[in-house]
PDB file of all heavy atoms in Angstrom:
ATOM      1  N   GLY A   1     -25.578 -15.689 -20.623  1.00  0.00           N
ATOM      2  CA  GLY A   1     -25.795 -17.119 -20.767  1.00  0.00           C
ATOM      3  C   GLY A   1     -27.090 -17.493 -20.076  1.00  0.00           C
ATOM      4  O   GLY A   1     -27.440 -16.919 -19.038  1.00  0.00           O
ATOM      5  N   VAL A   2     -27.825 -18.437 -20.648  1.00  0.00           N
ATOM      6  CA  VAL A   2     -29.131 -18.832 -20.125  1.00  0.00           C
ATOM      7  C   VAL A   2     -29.135 -20.334 -19.887  1.00  0.00           C
ATOM      8  O   VAL A   2     -28.721 -21.108 -20.761  1.00  0.00           O
ATOM      9  CB  VAL A   2     -30.257 -18.453 -21.112  1.00  0.00           C
ATOM     10  CG1 VAL A   2     -31.624 -18.766 -20.507  1.00  0.00           C
ATOM     11  CG2 VAL A   2     -30.167 -16.985 -21.499  1.00  0.00           C
ATOM     12  N   VAL A   3     -29.612 -20.734 -18.716  1.00  0.00           N
ATOM     13  CA  VAL A   3     -29.643 -22.160 -18.360  1.00  0.00           C
ATOM     14  C   VAL A   3     -31.042 -22.531 -17.886  1.00  0.00           C
ATOM     15  O   VAL A   3     -31.579 -21.902 -16.964  1.00  0.00           O
ATOM     16  CB  VAL A   3     -28.619 -22.481 -17.252  1.00  0.00           C
ATOM     17  CG1 VAL A   3     -28.707 -23.960 -16.863  1.00  0.00           C
ATOM     18  CG2 VAL A   3     -27.209 -22.140 -17.701  1.00  0.00           C
ATOM     19  N   PRO A   4     -31.672 -23.546 -18.505  1.00  0.00           N
ATOM     20  CA  PRO A   4     -32.989 -23.997 -18.053  1.00  0.00           C
ATOM     21  C   PRO A   4     -32.865 -25.083 -16.986  1.00  0.00           C
ATOM     22  O   PRO A   4     -31.922 -25.880 -17.001  1.00  0.00           O
ATOM     23  CB  PRO A   4     -33.607 -24.563 -19.330  1.00  0.00           C
ATOM     24  CG  PRO A   4     -32.420 -25.139 -20.060  1.00  0.00           C
ATOM     25  CD  PRO A   4     -31.244 -24.247 -19.730  1.00  0.00           C
ATOM     26  N   SER A   5     -33.831 -25.104 -16.096  1.00  0.00           N
ATOM     27  CA  SER A   5     -33.865 -26.178 -15.098  1.00  0.00           C
ATOM     28  C   SER A   5     -35.306 -26.361 -14.628  1.00  0.00           C
ATOM     29  O   SER A   5     -36.011 -25.382 -14.376  1.00  0.00           O
ATOM     30  CB  SER A   5     -32.964 -25.858 -13.898  1.00  0.00           C
ATOM     31  OG  SER A   5     -33.331 -24.628 -13.317  1.00  0.00           O
ATOM     32  N   PRO A   6     -35.769 -27.608 -14.534  1.00  0.00           N
ATOM     33  CA  PRO A   6     -37.119 -27.852 -14.015  1.00  0.00           C
ATOM     34  C   PRO A   6     -37.151 -27.572 -12.515  1.00  0.00           C
ATOM     35  O   PRO A   6     -36.285 -28.032 -11.769  1.00  0.00           O
ATOM     36  CB  PRO A   6     -37.349 -29.335 -14.318  1.00  0.00           C
ATOM     37  CG  PRO A   6     -35.969 -29.922 -14.427  1.00  0.00           C
ATOM     38  CD  PRO A   6     -35.072 -28.843 -14.920  1.00  0.00           C
ATOM     39  N   ILE A   7     -38.128 -26.804 -12.076  1.00  0.00           N
ATOM     40  CA  ILE A   7     -38.214 -26.475 -10.644  1.00  0.00           C
ATOM     41  C   ILE A   7     -39.469 -27.054  -9.995  1.00  0.00           C
ATOM     42  O   ILE A   7     -39.578 -27.097  -8.782  1.00  0.00           O
ATOM     43  CB  ILE A   7     -38.170 -24.952 -10.405  1.00  0.00           C
ATOM     44  CG1 ILE A   7     -39.326 -24.267 -11.127  1.00  0.00           C
ATOM     45  CG2 ILE A   7     -36.843 -24.374 -10.854  1.00  0.00           C
ATOM     46  CD1 ILE A   7     -39.538 -22.834 -10.679  1.00  0.00           C
ATOM     47  N   ALA A   8     -40.415 -27.484 -10.816  1.00  0.00           N
ATOM     48  CA  ALA A   8     -41.639 -28.103 -10.318  1.00  0.00           C
ATOM     49  C   ALA A   8     -42.273 -28.828 -11.492  1.00  0.00           C
ATOM     50  O   ALA A   8     -41.849 -28.672 -12.646  1.00  0.00           O
ATOM     51  CB  ALA A   8     -42.595 -27.056  -9.756  1.00  0.00           C
ATOM     52  N   ASP A   9     -43.271 -29.633 -11.220  1.00  0.00           N
ATOM     53  CA  ASP A   9     -43.940 -30.360 -12.277  1.00  0.00           C
ATOM     54  C   ASP A   9     -44.559 -29.380 -13.267  1.00  0.00           C
ATOM     55  O   ASP A   9     -45.408 -28.559 -12.907  1.00  0.00           O
ATOM     56  CB  ASP A   9     -45.030 -31.254 -11.678  1.00  0.00           C
ATOM     57  CG  ASP A   9     -45.639 -32.182 -12.718  1.00  0.00           C
ATOM     58  OD1 ASP A   9     -44.942 -32.523 -13.685  1.00  0.00           O
ATOM     59  OD2 ASP A   9     -46.821 -32.551 -12.556  1.00  0.00           O
ATOM     60  N   GLY A  10     -44.097 -29.425 -14.521  1.00  0.00           N
ATOM     61  CA  GLY A  10     -44.643 -28.551 -15.539  1.00  0.00           C
ATOM     62  C   GLY A  10     -44.093 -27.151 -15.552  1.00  0.00           C
ATOM     63  O   GLY A  10     -44.613 -26.296 -16.279  1.00  0.00           O
ATOM     64  N   VAL A  11     -43.049 -26.882 -14.771  1.00  0.00           N
ATOM     65  CA  VAL A  11     -42.472 -25.536 -14.716  1.00  0.00           C
ATOM     66  C   VAL A  11     -40.987 -25.610 -15.024  1.00  0.00           C
ATOM     67  O   VAL A  11     -40.243 -26.361 -14.391  1.00  0.00           O
ATOM     68  CB  VAL A  11     -42.670 -24.879 -13.332  1.00  0.00           C
ATOM     69  CG1 VAL A  11     -42.072 -23.470 -13.333  1.00  0.00           C
ATOM     70  CG2 VAL A  11     -44.140 -24.838 -12.959  1.00  0.00           C
ATOM     71  N   LEU A  12     -40.563 -24.816 -16.013  1.00  0.00           N
ATOM     72  CA  LEU A  12     -39.165 -24.744 -16.399  1.00  0.00           C
ATOM     73  C   LEU A  12     -38.672 -23.330 -16.140  1.00  0.00           C
ATOM     74  O   LEU A  12     -39.281 -22.363 -16.594  1.00  0.00           O
ATOM     75  CB  LEU A  12     -39.001 -25.089 -17.883  1.00  0.00           C
ATOM     76  CG  LEU A  12     -37.584 -25.353 -18.402  1.00  0.00           C
ATOM     77  CD1 LEU A  12     -36.966 -26.558 -17.714  1.00  0.00           C
ATOM     78  CD2 LEU A  12     -37.613 -25.572 -19.919  1.00  0.00           C
ATOM     79  N   ARG A  13     -37.595 -23.210 -15.377  1.00  0.00           N
ATOM     80  CA  ARG A  13     -37.034 -21.887 -15.051  1.00  0.00           C
ATOM     81  C   ARG A  13     -35.788 -21.630 -15.893  1.00  0.00           C
ATOM     82  O   ARG A  13     -34.894 -22.476 -15.981  1.00  0.00           O
ATOM     83  CB  ARG A  13     -36.686 -21.785 -13.579  1.00  0.00           C
ATOM     84  CG  ARG A  13     -35.918 -20.503 -13.208  1.00  0.00           C
ATOM     85  CD  ARG A  13     -35.967 -20.240 -11.727  1.00  0.00           C
ATOM     86  NE  ARG A  13     -37.342 -19.977 -11.294  1.00  0.00           N
ATOM     87  CZ  ARG A  13     -37.715 -19.859 -10.018  1.00  0.00           C
ATOM     88  NH1 ARG A  13     -36.821 -19.995  -9.058  1.00  0.00           N
ATOM     89  NH2 ARG A  13     -38.983 -19.614  -9.717  1.00  0.00           N
ATOM     90  N   TRP A  14     -35.719 -20.447 -16.496  1.00  0.00           N
ATOM     91  CA  TRP A  14     -34.570 -20.009 -17.283  1.00  0.00           C
ATOM     92  C   TRP A  14     -33.821 -18.962 -16.466  1.00  0.00           C
ATOM     93  O   TRP A  14     -34.344 -17.881 -16.200  1.00  0.00           O
ATOM     94  CB  TRP A  14     -35.028 -19.430 -18.616  1.00  0.00           C
ATOM     95  CG  TRP A  14     -35.768 -20.425 -19.461  1.00  0.00           C
ATOM     96  CD1 TRP A  14     -37.087 -20.774 -19.346  1.00  0.00           C
ATOM     97  CD2 TRP A  14     -35.233 -21.209 -20.522  1.00  0.00           C
ATOM     98  NE1 TRP A  14     -37.411 -21.735 -20.281  1.00  0.00           N
ATOM     99  CE2 TRP A  14     -36.297 -22.021 -21.021  1.00  0.00           C
ATOM    100  CE3 TRP A  14     -33.980 -21.310 -21.115  1.00  0.00           C
ATOM    101  CZ2 TRP A  14     -36.121 -22.915 -22.070  1.00  0.00           C
ATOM    102  CZ3 TRP A  14     -33.812 -22.193 -22.173  1.00  0.00           C
ATOM    103  CH2 TRP A  14     -34.869 -22.988 -22.630  1.00  0.00           C
ATOM    104  N   THR A  15     -32.610 -19.306 -16.062  1.00  0.00           N
ATOM    105  CA  THR A  15     -31.791 -18.396 -15.259  1.00  0.00           C
ATOM    106  C   THR A  15     -30.749 -17.736 -16.146  1.00  0.00           C
ATOM    107  O   THR A  15     -30.030 -18.414 -16.884  1.00  0.00           O
ATOM    108  CB  THR A  15     -31.102 -19.151 -14.105  1.00  0.00           C
ATOM    109  OG1 THR A  15     -32.110 -19.787 -13.295  1.00  0.00           O
ATOM    110  CG2 THR A  15     -30.305 -18.189 -13.240  1.00  0.00           C
ATOM    111  N   VAL A  16     -30.691 -16.404 -16.064  1.00  0.00           N
ATOM    112  CA  VAL A  16     -29.812 -15.620 -16.927  1.00  0.00           C
ATOM    113  C   VAL A  16     -28.565 -15.217 -16.153  1.00  0.00           C
ATOM    114  O   VAL A  16     -28.661 -14.698 -15.028  1.00  0.00           O
ATOM    115  CB  VAL A  16     -30.542 -14.368 -17.450  1.00  0.00           C
ATOM    116  CG1 VAL A  16     -29.641 -13.574 -18.394  1.00  0.00           C
ATOM    117  CG2 VAL A  16     -31.828 -14.776 -18.165  1.00  0.00           C
ATOM    118  N   HIS A  17     -27.408 -15.451 -16.753  1.00  0.00           N
ATOM    119  CA  HIS A  17     -26.124 -15.172 -16.127  1.00  0.00           C
ATOM    120  C   HIS A  17     -25.348 -14.166 -16.959  1.00  0.00           C
ATOM    121  O   HIS A  17     -25.424 -14.166 -18.192  1.00  0.00           O
ATOM    122  CB  HIS A  17     -25.282 -16.449 -16.018  1.00  0.00           C
ATOM    123  CG  HIS A  17     -25.944 -17.563 -15.272  1.00  0.00           C
ATOM    124  ND1 HIS A  17     -25.611 -17.895 -13.976  1.00  0.00           N
ATOM    125  CD2 HIS A  17     -26.923 -18.437 -15.650  1.00  0.00           C
ATOM    126  CE1 HIS A  17     -26.344 -18.917 -13.584  1.00  0.00           C
ATOM    127  NE2 HIS A  17     -27.148 -19.262 -14.573  1.00  0.00           N
ATOM    128  N   THR A  18     -24.578 -13.320 -16.288  1.00  0.00           N
ATOM    129  CA  THR A  18     -23.620 -12.471 -16.976  1.00  0.00           C
ATOM    130  C   THR A  18     -22.368 -13.288 -17.267  1.00  0.00           C
ATOM    131  O   THR A  18     -21.872 -14.007 -16.393  1.00  0.00           O
ATOM    132  CB  THR A  18     -23.250 -11.256 -16.123  1.00  0.00           C
ATOM    133  OG1 THR A  18     -24.435 -10.487 -15.869  1.00  0.00           O
ATOM    134  CG2 THR A  18     -22.227 -10.379 -16.829  1.00  0.00           C
ATOM    135  N   VAL A  19     -21.874 -13.185 -18.495  1.00  0.00           N
ATOM    136  CA  VAL A  19     -20.680 -13.924 -18.902  1.00  0.00           C
ATOM    137  C   VAL A  19     -19.581 -12.905 -19.185  1.00  0.00           C
ATOM    138  O   VAL A  19     -19.700 -12.114 -20.122  1.00  0.00           O
ATOM    139  CB  VAL A  19     -20.941 -14.780 -20.152  1.00  0.00           C
ATOM    140  CG1 VAL A  19     -19.669 -15.494 -20.586  1.00  0.00           C
ATOM    141  CG2 VAL A  19     -22.055 -15.787 -19.874  1.00  0.00           C
ATOM    142  N   PRO A  20     -18.520 -12.893 -18.384  1.00  0.00           N
ATOM    143  CA  PRO A  20     -17.468 -11.896 -18.583  1.00  0.00           C
ATOM    144  C   PRO A  20     -16.702 -12.117 -19.879  1.00  0.00           C
ATOM    145  O   PRO A  20     -16.512 -13.252 -20.325  1.00  0.00           O
ATOM    146  CB  PRO A  20     -16.565 -12.080 -17.358  1.00  0.00           C
ATOM    147  CG  PRO A  20     -16.804 -13.491 -16.916  1.00  0.00           C
ATOM    148  CD  PRO A  20     -18.237 -13.777 -17.235  1.00  0.00           C
ATOM    149  N   ALA A  21     -16.284 -11.020 -20.489  1.00  0.00           N
ATOM    150  CA  ALA A  21     -15.451 -11.097 -21.697  1.00  0.00           C
ATOM    151  C   ALA A  21     -14.011 -11.381 -21.287  1.00  0.00           C
ATOM    152  O   ALA A  21     -13.616 -11.105 -20.153  1.00  0.00           O
ATOM    153  CB  ALA A  21     -15.555  -9.784 -22.465  1.00  0.00           C
ATOM    154  N   PRO A  22     -13.193 -11.926 -22.188  1.00  0.00           N
ATOM    155  CA  PRO A  22     -13.569 -12.342 -23.548  1.00  0.00           C
ATOM    156  C   PRO A  22     -14.148 -13.750 -23.552  1.00  0.00           C
ATOM    157  O   PRO A  22     -13.774 -14.576 -22.721  1.00  0.00           O
ATOM    158  CB  PRO A  22     -12.236 -12.285 -24.293  1.00  0.00           C
ATOM    159  CG  PRO A  22     -11.219 -12.642 -23.243  1.00  0.00           C
ATOM    160  CD  PRO A  22     -11.739 -12.038 -21.957  1.00  0.00           C
ATOM    161  N   VAL A  23     -15.043 -14.000 -24.482  1.00  0.00           N
ATOM    162  CA  VAL A  23     -15.625 -15.328 -24.645  1.00  0.00           C
ATOM    163  C   VAL A  23     -14.910 -16.020 -25.805  1.00  0.00           C
ATOM    164  O   VAL A  23     -14.834 -15.466 -26.898  1.00  0.00           O
ATOM    165  CB  VAL A  23     -17.133 -15.240 -24.943  1.00  0.00           C
ATOM    166  CG1 VAL A  23     -17.702 -16.625 -25.206  1.00  0.00           C
ATOM    167  CG2 VAL A  23     -17.857 -14.576 -23.781  1.00  0.00           C
ATOM    168  N   PRO A  24     -14.364 -17.203 -25.582  1.00  0.00           N
ATOM    169  CA  PRO A  24     -13.646 -17.888 -26.671  1.00  0.00           C
ATOM    170  C   PRO A  24     -14.586 -18.196 -27.817  1.00  0.00           C
ATOM    171  O   PRO A  24     -15.788 -18.411 -27.614  1.00  0.00           O
ATOM    172  CB  PRO A  24     -13.125 -19.165 -26.006  1.00  0.00           C
ATOM    173  CG  PRO A  24     -14.000 -19.369 -24.819  1.00  0.00           C
ATOM    174  CD  PRO A  24     -14.391 -18.008 -24.344  1.00  0.00           C
ATOM    175  N   PRO A  25     -14.082 -18.208 -29.047  1.00  0.00           N
ATOM    176  CA  PRO A  25     -14.948 -18.519 -30.195  1.00  0.00           C
ATOM    177  C   PRO A  25     -15.479 -19.939 -30.123  1.00  0.00           C
ATOM    178  O   PRO A  25     -14.875 -20.824 -29.499  1.00  0.00           O
ATOM    179  CB  PRO A  25     -14.009 -18.336 -31.399  1.00  0.00           C
ATOM    180  CG  PRO A  25     -12.628 -18.512 -30.840  1.00  0.00           C
ATOM    181  CD  PRO A  25     -12.680 -17.976 -29.443  1.00  0.00           C
ATOM    182  N   ALA A  26     -16.615 -20.128 -30.748  1.00  0.00           N
ATOM    183  CA  ALA A  26     -17.226 -21.458 -30.751  1.00  0.00           C
ATOM    184  C   ALA A  26     -16.401 -22.420 -31.592  1.00  0.00           C
ATOM    185  O   ALA A  26     -15.806 -22.030 -32.601  1.00  0.00           O
ATOM    186  CB  ALA A  26     -18.649 -21.373 -31.306  1.00  0.00           C
ATOM    187  N   GLU A  27     -16.366 -23.670 -31.162  1.00  0.00           N
ATOM    188  CA  GLU A  27     -15.723 -24.709 -31.961  1.00  0.00           C
ATOM    189  C   GLU A  27     -16.567 -24.972 -33.196  1.00  0.00           C
ATOM    190  O   GLU A  27     -17.787 -25.138 -33.103  1.00  0.00           O
ATOM    191  CB  GLU A  27     -15.609 -25.993 -31.140  1.00  0.00           C
ATOM    192  CG  GLU A  27     -15.038 -27.172 -31.917  1.00  0.00           C
ATOM    193  CD  GLU A  27     -15.177 -28.490 -31.164  1.00  0.00           C
ATOM    194  OE1 GLU A  27     -16.250 -28.723 -30.578  1.00  0.00           O
ATOM    195  OE2 GLU A  27     -14.224 -29.272 -31.187  1.00  0.00           O
ATOM    196  N   TYR A  28     -15.932 -24.978 -34.362  1.00  0.00           N
ATOM    197  CA  TYR A  28     -16.681 -25.239 -35.595  1.00  0.00           C
ATOM    198  C   TYR A  28     -16.477 -26.686 -36.021  1.00  0.00           C
ATOM    199  O   TYR A  28     -15.355 -27.137 -36.246  1.00  0.00           O
ATOM    200  CB  TYR A  28     -16.228 -24.315 -36.724  1.00  0.00           C
ATOM    201  CG  TYR A  28     -16.869 -24.663 -38.051  1.00  0.00           C
ATOM    202  CD1 TYR A  28     -18.247 -24.522 -38.241  1.00  0.00           C
ATOM    203  CD2 TYR A  28     -16.103 -25.165 -39.110  1.00  0.00           C
ATOM    204  CE1 TYR A  28     -18.846 -24.858 -39.443  1.00  0.00           C
ATOM    205  CE2 TYR A  28     -16.693 -25.500 -40.326  1.00  0.00           C
ATOM    206  CZ  TYR A  28     -18.067 -25.346 -40.484  1.00  0.00           C
ATOM    207  OH  TYR A  28     -18.666 -25.692 -41.670  1.00  0.00           O
ATOM    208  N   VAL A  29     -17.588 -27.415 -36.091  1.00  0.00           N
ATOM    209  CA  VAL A  29     -17.571 -28.794 -36.593  1.00  0.00           C
ATOM    210  C   VAL A  29     -18.516 -28.846 -37.785  1.00  0.00           C
ATOM    211  O   VAL A  29     -19.717 -28.614 -37.628  1.00  0.00           O
ATOM    212  CB  VAL A  29     -18.026 -29.799 -35.519  1.00  0.00           C
ATOM    213  CG1 VAL A  29     -18.048 -31.212 -36.086  1.00  0.00           C
ATOM    214  CG2 VAL A  29     -17.128 -29.732 -34.291  1.00  0.00           C
ATOM    215  N   PRO A  30     -18.011 -29.101 -38.996  1.00  0.00           N
ATOM    216  CA  PRO A  30     -18.905 -29.205 -40.158  1.00  0.00           C
ATOM    217  C   PRO A  30     -20.000 -30.232 -39.902  1.00  0.00           C
ATOM    218  O   PRO A  30     -19.739 -31.307 -39.352  1.00  0.00           O
ATOM    219  CB  PRO A  30     -17.965 -29.642 -41.285  1.00  0.00           C
ATOM    220  CG  PRO A  30     -16.608 -29.179 -40.852  1.00  0.00           C
ATOM    221  CD  PRO A  30     -16.596 -29.317 -39.361  1.00  0.00           C
ATOM    222  N   LEU A  31     -21.207 -29.893 -40.304  1.00  0.00           N
ATOM    223  CA  LEU A  31     -22.333 -30.778 -40.027  1.00  0.00           C
ATOM    224  C   LEU A  31     -22.153 -32.137 -40.685  1.00  0.00           C
ATOM    225  O   LEU A  31     -22.488 -33.168 -40.096  1.00  0.00           O
ATOM    226  CB  LEU A  31     -23.629 -30.119 -40.491  1.00  0.00           C
ATOM    227  CG  LEU A  31     -24.928 -30.831 -40.129  1.00  0.00           C
ATOM    228  CD1 LEU A  31     -25.012 -31.101 -38.634  1.00  0.00           C
ATOM    229  CD2 LEU A  31     -26.127 -30.010 -40.583  1.00  0.00           C
ATOM    230  N   ALA A  32     -21.618 -32.152 -41.900  1.00  0.00           N
ATOM    231  CA  ALA A  32     -21.396 -33.439 -42.574  1.00  0.00           C
ATOM    232  C   ALA A  32     -20.426 -34.303 -41.783  1.00  0.00           C
ATOM    233  O   ALA A  32     -20.607 -35.527 -41.666  1.00  0.00           O
ATOM    234  CB  ALA A  32     -20.862 -33.202 -43.989  1.00  0.00           C
ATOM    235  N   GLU A  33     -19.397 -33.675 -41.215  1.00  0.00           N
ATOM    236  CA  GLU A  33     -18.422 -34.415 -40.416  1.00  0.00           C
ATOM    237  C   GLU A  33     -19.064 -34.964 -39.142  1.00  0.00           C
ATOM    238  O   GLU A  33     -18.820 -36.115 -38.751  1.00  0.00           O
ATOM    239  CB  GLU A  33     -17.263 -33.488 -40.063  1.00  0.00           C
ATOM    240  CG  GLU A  33     -16.196 -34.105 -39.179  1.00  0.00           C
ATOM    241  CD  GLU A  33     -15.114 -33.112 -38.813  1.00  0.00           C
ATOM    242  OE1 GLU A  33     -14.660 -32.387 -39.727  1.00  0.00           O
ATOM    243  OE2 GLU A  33     -14.723 -33.049 -37.623  1.00  0.00           O
ATOM    244  N   ALA A  34     -19.897 -34.152 -38.485  1.00  0.00           N
ATOM    245  CA  ALA A  34     -20.557 -34.600 -37.262  1.00  0.00           C
ATOM    246  C   ALA A  34     -21.512 -35.754 -37.543  1.00  0.00           C
ATOM    247  O   ALA A  34     -21.598 -36.716 -36.763  1.00  0.00           O
ATOM    248  CB  ALA A  34     -21.323 -33.430 -36.624  1.00  0.00           C
ATOM    249  N   GLU A  35     -22.228 -35.674 -38.669  1.00  0.00           N
ATOM    250  CA  GLU A  35     -23.149 -36.750 -39.028  1.00  0.00           C
ATOM    251  C   GLU A  35     -22.391 -38.038 -39.331  1.00  0.00           C
ATOM    252  O   GLU A  35     -22.787 -39.125 -38.887  1.00  0.00           O
ATOM    253  CB  GLU A  35     -23.975 -36.334 -40.243  1.00  0.00           C
ATOM    254  CG  GLU A  35     -25.008 -37.372 -40.651  1.00  0.00           C
ATOM    255  CD  GLU A  35     -25.834 -36.928 -41.841  1.00  0.00           C
ATOM    256  OE1 GLU A  35     -25.364 -36.075 -42.630  1.00  0.00           O
ATOM    257  OE2 GLU A  35     -26.961 -37.435 -42.014  1.00  0.00           O
ATOM    258  N   HIS A  36     -21.307 -37.913 -40.055  1.00  0.00           N
ATOM    259  CA  HIS A  36     -20.494 -39.095 -40.377  1.00  0.00           C
ATOM    260  C   HIS A  36     -19.934 -39.733 -39.112  1.00  0.00           C
ATOM    261  O   HIS A  36     -19.939 -40.960 -38.955  1.00  0.00           O
ATOM    262  CB  HIS A  36     -19.358 -38.688 -41.325  1.00  0.00           C
ATOM    263  CG  HIS A  36     -18.444 -39.826 -41.685  1.00  0.00           C
ATOM    264  ND1 HIS A  36     -17.314 -40.145 -40.952  1.00  0.00           N
ATOM    265  CD2 HIS A  36     -18.499 -40.732 -42.704  1.00  0.00           C
ATOM    266  CE1 HIS A  36     -16.727 -41.194 -41.491  1.00  0.00           C
ATOM    267  NE2 HIS A  36     -17.412 -41.558 -42.555  1.00  0.00           N
ATOM    268  N   GLU A  37     -19.449 -38.902 -38.181  1.00  0.00           N
ATOM    269  CA  GLU A  37     -18.881 -39.427 -36.946  1.00  0.00           C
ATOM    270  C   GLU A  37     -19.940 -40.124 -36.099  1.00  0.00           C
ATOM    271  O   GLU A  37     -19.667 -41.154 -35.467  1.00  0.00           O
ATOM    272  CB  GLU A  37     -18.232 -38.289 -36.155  1.00  0.00           C
ATOM    273  CG  GLU A  37     -17.612 -38.699 -34.825  1.00  0.00           C
ATOM    274  CD  GLU A  37     -16.435 -39.648 -34.976  1.00  0.00           C
ATOM    275  OE1 GLU A  37     -15.891 -39.773 -36.110  1.00  0.00           O
ATOM    276  OE2 GLU A  37     -16.042 -40.265 -33.976  1.00  0.00           O
ATOM    277  N   LEU A  38     -21.142 -39.570 -36.080  1.00  0.00           N
ATOM    278  CA  LEU A  38     -22.219 -40.196 -35.314  1.00  0.00           C
ATOM    279  C   LEU A  38     -22.518 -41.585 -35.851  1.00  0.00           C
ATOM    280  O   LEU A  38     -22.635 -42.557 -35.089  1.00  0.00           O
ATOM    281  CB  LEU A  38     -23.469 -39.319 -35.367  1.00  0.00           C
ATOM    282  CG  LEU A  38     -24.691 -39.816 -34.583  1.00  0.00           C
ATOM    283  CD1 LEU A  38     -24.359 -39.954 -33.098  1.00  0.00           C
ATOM    284  CD2 LEU A  38     -25.872 -38.862 -34.775  1.00  0.00           C
ATOM    285  N   ARG A  39     -22.625 -41.703 -37.159  1.00  0.00           N
ATOM    286  CA  ARG A  39     -22.899 -43.018 -37.755  1.00  0.00           C
ATOM    287  C   ARG A  39     -21.738 -43.981 -37.518  1.00  0.00           C
ATOM    288  O   ARG A  39     -21.945 -45.163 -37.231  1.00  0.00           O
ATOM    289  CB  ARG A  39     -23.150 -42.843 -39.250  1.00  0.00           C
ATOM    290  CG  ARG A  39     -24.448 -42.130 -39.578  1.00  0.00           C
ATOM    291  CD  ARG A  39     -24.613 -41.934 -41.075  1.00  0.00           C
ATOM    292  NE  ARG A  39     -25.904 -41.358 -41.403  1.00  0.00           N
ATOM    293  CZ  ARG A  39     -26.267 -41.018 -42.628  1.00  0.00           C
ATOM    294  NH1 ARG A  39     -25.434 -41.208 -43.643  1.00  0.00           N
ATOM    295  NH2 ARG A  39     -27.459 -40.506 -42.855  1.00  0.00           N
ATOM    296  N   ALA A  40     -20.514 -43.466 -37.634  1.00  0.00           N
ATOM    297  CA  ALA A  40     -19.342 -44.323 -37.429  1.00  0.00           C
ATOM    298  C   ALA A  40     -19.284 -44.836 -35.997  1.00  0.00           C
ATOM    299  O   ALA A  40     -18.943 -45.999 -35.752  1.00  0.00           O
ATOM    300  CB  ALA A  40     -18.067 -43.548 -37.770  1.00  0.00           C
ATOM    301  N   GLN A  41     -19.628 -43.970 -35.029  1.00  0.00           N
ATOM    302  CA  GLN A  41     -19.581 -44.389 -33.634  1.00  0.00           C
ATOM    303  C   GLN A  41     -20.664 -45.415 -33.317  1.00  0.00           C
ATOM    304  O   GLN A  41     -20.466 -46.289 -32.471  1.00  0.00           O
ATOM    305  CB  GLN A  41     -19.718 -43.172 -32.711  1.00  0.00           C
ATOM    306  CG  GLN A  41     -18.471 -42.318 -32.622  1.00  0.00           C
ATOM    307  CD  GLN A  41     -17.278 -43.085 -32.071  1.00  0.00           C
ATOM    308  OE1 GLN A  41     -17.426 -44.067 -31.344  1.00  0.00           O
ATOM    309  NE2 GLN A  41     -16.085 -42.648 -32.433  1.00  0.00           N
ATOM    310  N   VAL A  42     -21.807 -45.318 -33.973  1.00  0.00           N
ATOM    311  CA  VAL A  42     -22.842 -46.346 -33.788  1.00  0.00           C
ATOM    312  C   VAL A  42     -22.302 -47.701 -34.234  1.00  0.00           C
ATOM    313  O   VAL A  42     -22.438 -48.710 -33.528  1.00  0.00           O
ATOM    314  CB  VAL A  42     -24.115 -45.985 -34.586  1.00  0.00           C
ATOM    315  CG1 VAL A  42     -25.084 -47.176 -34.602  1.00  0.00           C
ATOM    316  CG2 VAL A  42     -24.802 -44.776 -33.978  1.00  0.00           C
ATOM    317  N   ARG A  43     -21.661 -47.739 -35.406  1.00  0.00           N
ATOM    318  CA  ARG A  43     -21.105 -49.000 -35.905  1.00  0.00           C
ATOM    319  C   ARG A  43     -19.989 -49.507 -34.998  1.00  0.00           C
ATOM    320  O   ARG A  43     -19.930 -50.694 -34.664  1.00  0.00           O
ATOM    321  CB  ARG A  43     -20.573 -48.812 -37.336  1.00  0.00           C
ATOM    322  CG  ARG A  43     -21.657 -48.540 -38.368  1.00  0.00           C
ATOM    323  CD  ARG A  43     -21.093 -48.645 -39.777  1.00  0.00           C
ATOM    324  NE  ARG A  43     -20.057 -47.650 -40.024  1.00  0.00           N
ATOM    325  CZ  ARG A  43     -20.277 -46.444 -40.523  1.00  0.00           C
ATOM    326  NH1 ARG A  43     -21.525 -46.075 -40.821  1.00  0.00           N
ATOM    327  NH2 ARG A  43     -19.282 -45.603 -40.748  1.00  0.00           N
TER     328      ARG A  43
END
């Protein structure tokens, strides 16, 4: 796993971490559904 963080003006540090197994599968959200929900929440 990689995490960015600003450490100084104009400098971004990427810190690499070991992630132990097992890693749960990613949540799948259809893009059309996410877009619709975003618009609905604005309204």
